[in-house]
Amino acid sequence: MTIHPHLQRSLSEGRALKIISGLTNFDQVQVARVVQAADQGGATFVDIAADAELVRLARQLTALPICVSAVEPEKFLAPVAAGADLVEIGNFDAFYAEGRRFEAAEVLALTRQTRDLLPAMPLSVTVPHVLPLDEQVALAEQLVEAGADIIQTEGGTSSQPTHAGTLGLIEKAAPTLAAAHAISQAVAVPVLCASGLSDVTAPMAIAAGASGIGVGSAVNKLDNVVAMVAVVRSLVEVIASVRRAQVRV
């Protein structure tokens, strides 16, 4: 399978930025705002719910690669036919508030089912943060063996920051940063660090070994495109600053 050249280049250079509208967000107006913000702000790609109509809408608004997310493999078929560039098993954060857990065996089974349905489609898979870190690493290795092209981490919903300001932002991102560091040491595919990140912690994700970051609520919870674009641009800049520092070293 072939990952979109723009996305592949950004991942290989450690500067990919995915903007997430939400796995359960089917509001076309809101999704359109997120897609426009990603496009205008300079993001690498967008992640929307696995829905063919949303893919067609997004394609009218941007030339960026479009990722579609679901936890039921058959739901990928229609949006892929509509023009999605890659598929994502996750993002699981949407389900945790309902008490829904995703264990290693289920995620591995979903990965194999998706690969059977879409053998040539680039596939990203989220490793559930509810697993102990060593089990996250073991699962990531199994997912790559099963055909995952990108591994995504998470953890923002599990953290309970006890401080305000910058320290609180670091506390919130700690679980996904730890997973990104551990998993990136164990697999050869790109690792995308997501969930609970901000412009404070995005550079930490790249420094920890991630090839890029995924950001959702920091953008999609805002109520206008101008504010969304500003956040996306700030994230692009902080990632670029890490890249420039690495090149100088």
C-alpha atoms as a PDB file:
ATOM      1  CA  MET A   1       0.000   0.000   0.000  1.00  0.00           C
ATOM      2  CA  THR A   2       1.095   3.585  -0.641  1.00  0.00           C
ATOM      3  CA  ILE A   3       0.713   6.386   1.868  1.00  0.00           C
ATOM      4  CA  HIS A   4      -0.125   9.779   0.340  1.00  0.00           C
ATOM      5  CA  PRO A   5       3.234  11.370  -0.674  1.00  0.00           C
ATOM      6  CA  HIS A   6       2.603  14.585   1.313  1.00  0.00           C
ATOM      7  CA  LEU A   7       1.796  12.607   4.430  1.00  0.00           C
ATOM      8  CA  GLN A   8       4.675  10.175   3.936  1.00  0.00           C
ATOM      9  CA  ARG A   9       7.151  13.018   3.605  1.00  0.00           C
ATOM     10  CA  SER A  10       5.844  14.774   6.721  1.00  0.00           C
ATOM     11  CA  LEU A  11       5.999  11.565   8.742  1.00  0.00           C
ATOM     12  CA  SER A  12       9.527  10.773   7.587  1.00  0.00           C
ATOM     13  CA  GLU A  13      10.616  14.297   8.534  1.00  0.00           C
ATOM     14  CA  GLY A  14       8.937  14.121  11.959  1.00  0.00           C
ATOM     15  CA  ARG A  15       6.564  17.041  11.396  1.00  0.00           C
ATOM     16  CA  ALA A  16       3.156  15.530  10.637  1.00  0.00           C
ATOM     17  CA  LEU A  17       0.123  17.261  12.141  1.00  0.00           C
ATOM     18  CA  LYS A  18      -3.296  15.610  12.056  1.00  0.00           C
ATOM     19  CA  ILE A  19      -6.375  17.642  12.959  1.00  0.00           C
ATOM     20  CA  ILE A  20      -9.215  15.482  14.283  1.00  0.00           C
ATOM     21  CA  SER A  21     -12.878  16.477  13.973  1.00  0.00           C
ATOM     22  CA  GLY A  22     -14.068  13.508  16.033  1.00  0.00           C
ATOM     23  CA  LEU A  23     -15.093   9.923  15.408  1.00  0.00           C
ATOM     24  CA  THR A  24     -18.682  10.627  16.522  1.00  0.00           C
ATOM     25  CA  ASN A  25     -18.929  14.072  14.907  1.00  0.00           C
ATOM     26  CA  PHE A  26     -21.259  13.884  11.898  1.00  0.00           C
ATOM     27  CA  ASP A  27     -22.234  17.577  11.980  1.00  0.00           C
ATOM     28  CA  GLN A  28     -21.344  18.731   8.474  1.00  0.00           C
ATOM     29  CA  VAL A  29     -21.044  22.399   9.454  1.00  0.00           C
ATOM     30  CA  GLN A  30     -18.677  21.653  12.319  1.00  0.00           C
ATOM     31  CA  VAL A  31     -16.627  19.139  10.328  1.00  0.00           C
ATOM     32  CA  ALA A  32     -16.323  21.670   7.503  1.00  0.00           C
ATOM     33  CA  ARG A  33     -14.929  24.244   9.948  1.00  0.00           C
ATOM     34  CA  VAL A  34     -12.334  21.798  11.230  1.00  0.00           C
ATOM     35  CA  VAL A  35     -11.296  20.819   7.713  1.00  0.00           C
ATOM     36  CA  GLN A  36     -11.031  24.463   6.635  1.00  0.00           C
ATOM     37  CA  ALA A  37      -8.941  25.272   9.708  1.00  0.00           C
ATOM     38  CA  ALA A  38      -6.607  22.349   9.015  1.00  0.00           C
ATOM     39  CA  ASP A  39      -6.236  23.440   5.402  1.00  0.00           C
ATOM     40  CA  GLN A  40      -5.721  27.138   6.100  1.00  0.00           C
ATOM     41  CA  GLY A  41      -3.534  26.533   9.132  1.00  0.00           C
ATOM     42  CA  GLY A  42      -1.061  24.290   7.347  1.00  0.00           C
ATOM     43  CA  ALA A  43      -1.834  20.893   8.879  1.00  0.00           C
ATOM     44  CA  THR A  44      -0.630  17.711   7.191  1.00  0.00           C
ATOM     45  CA  PHE A  45      -3.923  15.830   7.113  1.00  0.00           C
ATOM     46  CA  VAL A  46      -7.405  15.651   8.598  1.00  0.00           C
ATOM     47  CA  ASP A  47      -9.194  12.883  10.491  1.00  0.00           C
ATOM     48  CA  ILE A  48     -12.985  12.693  10.208  1.00  0.00           C
ATOM     49  CA  ALA A  49     -15.694  10.164  11.022  1.00  0.00           C
ATOM     50  CA  ALA A  50     -15.996   7.277   8.574  1.00  0.00           C
ATOM     51  CA  ASP A  51     -18.839   8.651   6.490  1.00  0.00           C
ATOM     52  CA  ALA A  52     -18.934   8.919   2.702  1.00  0.00           C
ATOM     53  CA  GLU A  53     -20.806  12.240   2.705  1.00  0.00           C
ATOM     54  CA  LEU A  54     -18.246  13.778   5.057  1.00  0.00           C
ATOM     55  CA  VAL A  55     -15.426  12.575   2.804  1.00  0.00           C
ATOM     56  CA  ARG A  56     -17.054  14.196  -0.220  1.00  0.00           C
ATOM     57  CA  LEU A  57     -17.576  17.400   1.771  1.00  0.00           C
ATOM     58  CA  ALA A  58     -13.974  17.445   2.977  1.00  0.00           C
ATOM     59  CA  ARG A  59     -12.669  16.795  -0.522  1.00  0.00           C
ATOM     60  CA  GLN A  60     -14.452  19.931  -1.734  1.00  0.00           C
ATOM     61  CA  LEU A  61     -12.688  21.975   0.939  1.00  0.00           C
ATOM     62  CA  THR A  62      -9.127  20.659   0.928  1.00  0.00           C
ATOM     63  CA  ALA A  63      -6.496  18.783  -1.014  1.00  0.00           C
ATOM     64  CA  LEU A  64      -5.000  17.454   2.232  1.00  0.00           C
ATOM     65  CA  PRO A  65      -5.032  13.680   2.791  1.00  0.00           C
ATOM     66  CA  ILE A  66      -8.246  12.547   4.463  1.00  0.00           C
ATOM     67  CA  CYS A  67      -8.204   9.900   7.192  1.00  0.00           C
ATOM     68  CA  VAL A  68     -11.476   8.298   8.299  1.00  0.00           C
ATOM     69  CA  SER A  69     -11.893   6.787  11.765  1.00  0.00           C
ATOM     70  CA  ALA A  70     -14.152   3.986  12.991  1.00  0.00           C
ATOM     71  CA  VAL A  71     -14.131   0.929  15.223  1.00  0.00           C
ATOM     72  CA  GLU A  72     -16.168  -1.240  12.841  1.00  0.00           C
ATOM     73  CA  PRO A  73     -14.160  -2.294   9.773  1.00  0.00           C
ATOM     74  CA  GLU A  74     -17.134  -2.482   7.422  1.00  0.00           C
ATOM     75  CA  LYS A  75     -17.790   1.222   8.008  1.00  0.00           C
ATOM     76  CA  PHE A  76     -14.590   2.033   6.130  1.00  0.00           C
ATOM     77  CA  LEU A  77     -15.809   0.706   2.788  1.00  0.00           C
ATOM     78  CA  ALA A  78     -18.119   3.538   1.711  1.00  0.00           C
ATOM     79  CA  PRO A  79     -15.820   6.416   2.720  1.00  0.00           C
ATOM     80  CA  VAL A  80     -12.863   4.707   1.045  1.00  0.00           C
ATOM     81  CA  ALA A  81     -14.926   4.417  -2.129  1.00  0.00           C
ATOM     82  CA  ALA A  82     -15.741   8.132  -1.739  1.00  0.00           C
ATOM     83  CA  GLY A  83     -12.051   9.034  -1.765  1.00  0.00           C
ATOM     84  CA  ALA A  84     -10.539   8.674   1.731  1.00  0.00           C
ATOM     85  CA  ASP A  85      -6.755   8.349   1.670  1.00  0.00           C
ATOM     86  CA  LEU A  86      -6.262   6.229   4.794  1.00  0.00           C
ATOM     87  CA  VAL A  87      -8.262   4.616   7.585  1.00  0.00           C
ATOM     88  CA  GLU A  88      -7.838   4.727  11.362  1.00  0.00           C
ATOM     89  CA  ILE A  89      -9.012   2.162  13.918  1.00  0.00           C
ATOM     90  CA  GLY A  90      -9.730   4.574  16.784  1.00  0.00           C
ATOM     91  CA  ASN A  91      -9.965   7.192  18.167  1.00  0.00           C
ATOM     92  CA  PHE A  92     -11.138   5.408  21.291  1.00  0.00           C
ATOM     93  CA  ASP A  93     -11.455   8.500  23.486  1.00  0.00           C
ATOM     94  CA  ALA A  94     -15.026   8.959  22.269  1.00  0.00           C
ATOM     95  CA  PHE A  95     -16.065   5.702  23.949  1.00  0.00           C
ATOM     96  CA  TYR A  96     -14.373   5.828  27.330  1.00  0.00           C
ATOM     97  CA  ALA A  97     -16.986   8.131  28.874  1.00  0.00           C
ATOM     98  CA  GLU A  98     -19.544   5.418  28.076  1.00  0.00           C
ATOM     99  CA  GLY A  99     -17.503   2.826  29.951  1.00  0.00           C
ATOM    100  CA  ARG A 100     -16.440   1.114  26.719  1.00  0.00           C
ATOM    101  CA  ARG A 101     -12.951  -0.409  26.870  1.00  0.00           C
ATOM    102  CA  PHE A 102     -10.856  -1.681  23.999  1.00  0.00           C
ATOM    103  CA  GLU A 103      -8.591  -4.562  24.963  1.00  0.00           C
ATOM    104  CA  ALA A 104      -5.564  -5.772  23.030  1.00  0.00           C
ATOM    105  CA  ALA A 105      -7.257  -8.834  21.543  1.00  0.00           C
ATOM    106  CA  GLU A 106     -10.142  -6.784  20.155  1.00  0.00           C
ATOM    107  CA  VAL A 107      -7.915  -4.124  18.615  1.00  0.00           C
ATOM    108  CA  LEU A 108      -5.751  -6.804  16.995  1.00  0.00           C
ATOM    109  CA  ALA A 109      -8.836  -8.555  15.628  1.00  0.00           C
ATOM    110  CA  LEU A 110     -10.188  -5.275  14.223  1.00  0.00           C
ATOM    111  CA  THR A 111      -6.834  -4.649  12.564  1.00  0.00           C
ATOM    112  CA  ARG A 112      -6.809  -8.045  10.893  1.00  0.00           C
ATOM    113  CA  GLN A 113     -10.432  -7.658   9.757  1.00  0.00           C
ATOM    114  CA  THR A 114      -9.704  -4.229   8.300  1.00  0.00           C
ATOM    115  CA  ARG A 115      -6.608  -5.454   6.523  1.00  0.00           C
ATOM    116  CA  ASP A 116      -8.610  -8.344   5.029  1.00  0.00           C
ATOM    117  CA  LEU A 117     -11.300  -5.936   3.800  1.00  0.00           C
ATOM    118  CA  LEU A 118      -8.857  -3.313   2.534  1.00  0.00           C
ATOM    119  CA  PRO A 119      -5.551  -5.040   1.765  1.00  0.00           C
ATOM    120  CA  ALA A 120      -4.068  -2.069  -0.108  1.00  0.00           C
ATOM    121  CA  MET A 121      -5.324   0.802   2.075  1.00  0.00           C
ATOM    122  CA  PRO A 122      -2.936   2.663   4.402  1.00  0.00           C
ATOM    123  CA  LEU A 123      -3.978   1.780   7.944  1.00  0.00           C
ATOM    124  CA  SER A 124      -3.415   3.605  11.231  1.00  0.00           C
ATOM    125  CA  VAL A 125      -4.292   1.913  14.514  1.00  0.00           C
ATOM    126  CA  THR A 126      -4.647   3.451  17.965  1.00  0.00           C
ATOM    127  CA  VAL A 127      -3.145   1.595  20.920  1.00  0.00           C
ATOM    128  CA  PRO A 128      -5.555   1.896  23.880  1.00  0.00           C
ATOM    129  CA  HIS A 129      -4.160   3.813  26.836  1.00  0.00           C
ATOM    130  CA  VAL A 130      -6.136   1.583  29.243  1.00  0.00           C
ATOM    131  CA  LEU A 131      -3.421  -1.045  28.799  1.00  0.00           C
ATOM    132  CA  PRO A 132      -0.249  -0.990  30.932  1.00  0.00           C
ATOM    133  CA  LEU A 133       2.625   0.568  29.013  1.00  0.00           C
ATOM    134  CA  ASP A 134       4.464  -2.706  28.432  1.00  0.00           C
ATOM    135  CA  GLU A 135       1.272  -4.211  27.004  1.00  0.00           C
ATOM    136  CA  GLN A 136       0.831  -1.174  24.766  1.00  0.00           C
ATOM    137  CA  VAL A 137       4.281  -1.802  23.335  1.00  0.00           C
ATOM    138  CA  ALA A 138       3.595  -5.505  22.817  1.00  0.00           C
ATOM    139  CA  LEU A 139       0.294  -4.735  21.105  1.00  0.00           C
ATOM    140  CA  ALA A 140       1.936  -2.151  18.836  1.00  0.00           C
ATOM    141  CA  GLU A 141       4.412  -4.780  17.670  1.00  0.00           C
ATOM    142  CA  GLN A 142       1.572  -7.213  16.954  1.00  0.00           C
ATOM    143  CA  LEU A 143      -0.396  -4.544  15.092  1.00  0.00           C
ATOM    144  CA  VAL A 144       2.534  -3.840  12.800  1.00  0.00           C
ATOM    145  CA  GLU A 145       2.850  -7.564  12.100  1.00  0.00           C
ATOM    146  CA  ALA A 146      -0.887  -7.589  11.279  1.00  0.00           C
ATOM    147  CA  GLY A 147      -0.477  -4.815   8.726  1.00  0.00           C
ATOM    148  CA  ALA A 148      -0.694  -1.464  10.528  1.00  0.00           C
ATOM    149  CA  ASP A 149       1.235   1.256   8.686  1.00  0.00           C
ATOM    150  CA  ILE A 150       0.992   3.872  11.447  1.00  0.00           C
ATOM    151  CA  ILE A 151       0.617   3.438  15.210  1.00  0.00           C
ATOM    152  CA  GLN A 152      -1.208   6.123  17.180  1.00  0.00           C
ATOM    153  CA  THR A 153      -0.993   6.680  20.916  1.00  0.00           C
ATOM    154  CA  GLU A 154      -3.535   8.222  23.257  1.00  0.00           C
ATOM    155  CA  GLY A 155      -4.007   9.002  26.936  1.00  0.00           C
ATOM    156  CA  GLY A 156      -5.441  12.466  27.458  1.00  0.00           C
ATOM    157  CA  THR A 157      -8.673  11.170  28.952  1.00  0.00           C
ATOM    158  CA  SER A 158      -6.865   9.061  31.538  1.00  0.00           C
ATOM    159  CA  SER A 159      -4.745  11.827  33.013  1.00  0.00           C
ATOM    160  CA  GLN A 160      -5.898  13.928  35.942  1.00  0.00           C
ATOM    161  CA  PRO A 161      -3.813  17.120  36.040  1.00  0.00           C
ATOM    162  CA  THR A 162      -3.476  18.583  39.510  1.00  0.00           C
ATOM    163  CA  HIS A 163      -1.944  21.891  38.429  1.00  0.00           C
ATOM    164  CA  ALA A 164      -3.055  24.767  36.245  1.00  0.00           C
ATOM    165  CA  GLY A 165      -1.098  26.350  33.405  1.00  0.00           C
ATOM    166  CA  THR A 166       1.929  24.817  31.749  1.00  0.00           C
ATOM    167  CA  LEU A 167       2.484  22.161  34.402  1.00  0.00           C
ATOM    168  CA  GLY A 168      -1.107  20.991  34.038  1.00  0.00           C
ATOM    169  CA  LEU A 169      -0.713  20.736  30.259  1.00  0.00           C
ATOM    170  CA  ILE A 170       2.369  18.565  30.725  1.00  0.00           C
ATOM    171  CA  GLU A 171       0.566  16.366  33.262  1.00  0.00           C
ATOM    172  CA  LYS A 172      -2.345  15.910  30.859  1.00  0.00           C
ATOM    173  CA  ALA A 173      -0.072  14.820  28.018  1.00  0.00           C
ATOM    174  CA  ALA A 174       2.155  12.530  30.109  1.00  0.00           C
ATOM    175  CA  PRO A 175       0.402   9.210  29.266  1.00  0.00           C
ATOM    176  CA  THR A 176       0.460   9.691  25.502  1.00  0.00           C
ATOM    177  CA  LEU A 177       4.026  11.064  25.595  1.00  0.00           C
ATOM    178  CA  ALA A 178       5.195   8.007  27.528  1.00  0.00           C
ATOM    179  CA  ALA A 179       3.479   5.687  25.063  1.00  0.00           C
ATOM    180  CA  ALA A 180       4.955   7.503  22.071  1.00  0.00           C
ATOM    181  CA  HIS A 181       8.454   7.195  23.495  1.00  0.00           C
ATOM    182  CA  ALA A 182       8.151   3.508  24.380  1.00  0.00           C
ATOM    183  CA  ILE A 183       6.383   2.423  21.199  1.00  0.00           C
ATOM    184  CA  SER A 184       8.617   4.410  18.841  1.00  0.00           C
ATOM    185  CA  GLN A 185      11.579   2.479  20.266  1.00  0.00           C
ATOM    186  CA  ALA A 186       9.906  -0.835  19.471  1.00  0.00           C
ATOM    187  CA  VAL A 187       8.411  -0.477  15.973  1.00  0.00           C
ATOM    188  CA  ALA A 188       9.766   0.628  12.619  1.00  0.00           C
ATOM    189  CA  VAL A 189       6.582   2.324  11.390  1.00  0.00           C
ATOM    190  CA  PRO A 190       5.725   5.973  12.161  1.00  0.00           C
ATOM    191  CA  VAL A 191       4.161   6.700  15.548  1.00  0.00           C
ATOM    192  CA  LEU A 192       1.599   9.466  15.828  1.00  0.00           C
ATOM    193  CA  CYS A 193       1.207  10.900  19.326  1.00  0.00           C
ATOM    194  CA  ALA A 194      -2.352  12.063  20.019  1.00  0.00           C
ATOM    195  CA  SER A 195      -4.844  12.910  22.769  1.00  0.00           C
ATOM    196  CA  GLY A 196      -4.415  15.697  25.292  1.00  0.00           C
ATOM    197  CA  LEU A 197      -1.697  17.577  23.409  1.00  0.00           C
ATOM    198  CA  SER A 198      -1.213  21.330  23.145  1.00  0.00           C
ATOM    199  CA  ASP A 199       1.352  23.738  21.735  1.00  0.00           C
ATOM    200  CA  VAL A 200       3.254  23.236  25.006  1.00  0.00           C
ATOM    201  CA  THR A 201       3.503  19.454  24.702  1.00  0.00           C
ATOM    202  CA  ALA A 202       3.580  18.993  20.915  1.00  0.00           C
ATOM    203  CA  PRO A 203       7.371  19.554  20.815  1.00  0.00           C
ATOM    204  CA  MET A 204       7.767  16.996  23.600  1.00  0.00           C
ATOM    205  CA  ALA A 205       5.951  14.411  21.488  1.00  0.00           C
ATOM    206  CA  ILE A 206       8.359  14.897  18.587  1.00  0.00           C
ATOM    207  CA  ALA A 207      11.338  14.829  20.931  1.00  0.00           C
ATOM    208  CA  ALA A 208       9.993  11.609  22.451  1.00  0.00           C
ATOM    209  CA  GLY A 209      10.206   9.880  19.083  1.00  0.00           C
ATOM    210  CA  ALA A 210       6.828  10.538  17.446  1.00  0.00           C
ATOM    211  CA  SER A 211       6.752  11.216  13.717  1.00  0.00           C
ATOM    212  CA  GLY A 212       3.870  13.610  14.220  1.00  0.00           C
ATOM    213  CA  ILE A 213       0.962  14.533  16.440  1.00  0.00           C
ATOM    214  CA  GLY A 214      -2.813  14.350  16.358  1.00  0.00           C
ATOM    215  CA  VAL A 215      -4.900  17.125  17.901  1.00  0.00           C
ATOM    216  CA  GLY A 216      -8.648  17.120  18.376  1.00  0.00           C
ATOM    217  CA  SER A 217     -10.342  19.077  21.151  1.00  0.00           C
ATOM    218  CA  ALA A 218      -7.794  21.910  21.140  1.00  0.00           C
ATOM    219  CA  VAL A 219      -9.208  22.745  17.706  1.00  0.00           C
ATOM    220  CA  ASN A 220     -12.630  21.162  17.294  1.00  0.00           C
ATOM    221  CA  LYS A 221     -14.052  22.565  20.539  1.00  0.00           C
ATOM    222  CA  LEU A 222     -13.596  26.148  19.317  1.00  0.00           C
ATOM    223  CA  ASP A 223     -16.586  27.948  17.843  1.00  0.00           C
ATOM    224  CA  ASN A 224     -15.109  29.740  14.834  1.00  0.00           C
ATOM    225  CA  VAL A 225     -12.695  29.040  12.014  1.00  0.00           C
ATOM    226  CA  VAL A 226     -10.428  32.018  12.747  1.00  0.00           C
ATOM    227  CA  ALA A 227      -9.667  30.750  16.245  1.00  0.00           C
ATOM    228  CA  MET A 228      -9.199  27.208  14.930  1.00  0.00           C
ATOM    229  CA  VAL A 229      -6.746  28.359  12.267  1.00  0.00           C
ATOM    230  CA  ALA A 230      -4.716  30.225  14.878  1.00  0.00           C
ATOM    231  CA  VAL A 231      -4.333  27.072  16.970  1.00  0.00           C
ATOM    232  CA  VAL A 232      -3.369  24.969  13.949  1.00  0.00           C
ATOM    233  CA  ARG A 233      -0.764  27.512  12.878  1.00  0.00           C
ATOM    234  CA  SER A 234       0.737  27.624  16.365  1.00  0.00           C
ATOM    235  CA  LEU A 235       1.034  23.829  16.357  1.00  0.00           C
ATOM    236  CA  VAL A 236       2.649  23.845  12.911  1.00  0.00           C
ATOM    237  CA  GLU A 237       5.189  26.402  14.109  1.00  0.00           C
ATOM    238  CA  VAL A 238       6.157  24.602  17.303  1.00  0.00           C
ATOM    239  CA  ILE A 239       6.615  21.336  15.411  1.00  0.00           C
ATOM    240  CA  ALA A 240       8.726  23.142  12.824  1.00  0.00           C
ATOM    241  CA  SER A 241      10.850  24.668  15.583  1.00  0.00           C
ATOM    242  CA  VAL A 242      11.664  21.191  16.904  1.00  0.00           C
ATOM    243  CA  ARG A 243      12.563  20.062  13.403  1.00  0.00           C
ATOM    244  CA  ARG A 244      14.844  23.069  12.882  1.00  0.00           C
ATOM    245  CA  ALA A 245      16.573  22.403  16.198  1.00  0.00           C
ATOM    246  CA  GLN A 246      17.126  18.750  15.284  1.00  0.00           C
ATOM    247  CA  VAL A 247      18.614  19.722  11.922  1.00  0.00           C
ATOM    248  CA  ARG A 248      21.036  22.182  13.585  1.00  0.00           C
ATOM    249  CA  VAL A 249      22.183  19.482  16.004  1.00  0.00           C
END
